[in-house]
Each structure stands twice: as structure tokens, then as C-alpha cells.
Amino acid sequence: MSDESKLAPRLLTRRQAAAYCGASIPTFNKWVLAGVLPQSVSITNRWVVSRSTLS
């Protein structure tokens, strides 16, 4: 297995980001709307958020 395949992804989907934060998707979305967490961005028609902005 290469070292690259062992790395965690830098960009997370909303579902992955919610799990990373220990929240449900609706709660994660509320936190984003309230400004507690950064907005997601659209890349290749998928909404993603950078893992580093959640830490």
C-alpha cells in the first residue's frame, strides 16, 4: 500500500464533515448556517469542506 493511500482526505463531503464533528447532518447544516462552521464549496458538483477548517 502506498503512503498516499494511507492519508486522510483533505476535502470532506457534508456527511463526512458531520461525522468528523460528531454531529448529525442536520445539526452540521445548522452550525454552518449559524456561522459556527465555515461554508462548504462546490467542486465538481459536490459540496465539500476542508478538513483543516474543522480542526
Protein backbone atom coordinates (compact mmCIF):
# COMPACT_ATOMS: atom_id res chain seq x y z
CA MET A 1 0.00 0.00 0.00
CA SER A 2 1.44 3.38 -0.95
CA ASP A 3 1.90 6.19 1.58
CA GLU A 4 -0.56 8.33 -0.39
CA SER A 5 -3.39 5.83 0.07
CA LYS A 6 -2.91 5.97 3.87
CA LEU A 7 -3.54 9.72 4.03
CA ALA A 8 -6.91 11.03 5.15
CA PRO A 9 -8.75 13.06 2.52
CA ARG A 10 -8.28 16.84 2.74
CA LEU A 11 -11.77 17.58 1.47
CA LEU A 12 -14.82 16.10 3.15
CA THR A 13 -18.41 15.83 2.00
CA ARG A 14 -21.04 17.25 4.34
CA ARG A 15 -21.79 13.73 5.56
CA GLN A 16 -18.11 13.07 6.29
CA ALA A 17 -17.67 16.51 7.89
CA ALA A 18 -20.68 15.97 10.13
CA ALA A 19 -19.29 12.60 11.25
CA TYR A 20 -15.86 14.20 11.80
CA CYS A 21 -17.52 16.79 14.06
CA GLY A 22 -19.61 14.16 15.85
CA ALA A 23 -22.89 15.68 14.66
CA SER A 24 -25.83 14.68 12.52
CA ILE A 25 -26.08 16.19 9.05
CA PRO A 26 -28.99 18.49 10.06
CA THR A 27 -27.02 19.73 13.09
CA PHE A 28 -23.93 20.25 10.95
CA ASN A 29 -26.01 22.26 8.46
CA LYS A 30 -27.42 24.40 11.32
CA TRP A 31 -23.89 25.12 12.56
CA VAL A 32 -22.86 26.19 9.05
CA LEU A 33 -25.91 28.47 8.71
CA ALA A 34 -25.22 29.96 12.16
CA GLY A 35 -21.61 30.71 11.17
CA VAL A 36 -20.14 28.30 13.73
CA LEU A 37 -18.52 26.30 10.92
CA PRO A 38 -17.28 27.50 7.52
CA GLN A 39 -19.42 27.30 4.40
CA SER A 40 -18.88 24.40 2.04
CA VAL A 41 -17.73 24.97 -1.51
CA SER A 42 -18.86 23.29 -4.72
CA ILE A 43 -16.16 21.32 -6.52
CA THR A 44 -17.15 19.09 -9.43
CA ASN A 45 -20.80 19.38 -8.43
CA ARG A 46 -20.11 18.09 -4.90
CA TRP A 47 -20.27 20.22 -1.78
CA VAL A 48 -17.09 19.80 0.23
CA VAL A 49 -15.37 21.38 3.19
CA SER A 50 -11.68 21.35 4.02
CA ARG A 51 -10.78 19.15 6.98
CA SER A 52 -8.31 21.77 8.22
CA THR A 53 -11.09 24.35 8.68
CA LEU A 54 -12.91 21.98 11.04
CA SER A 55 -9.97 21.36 13.35
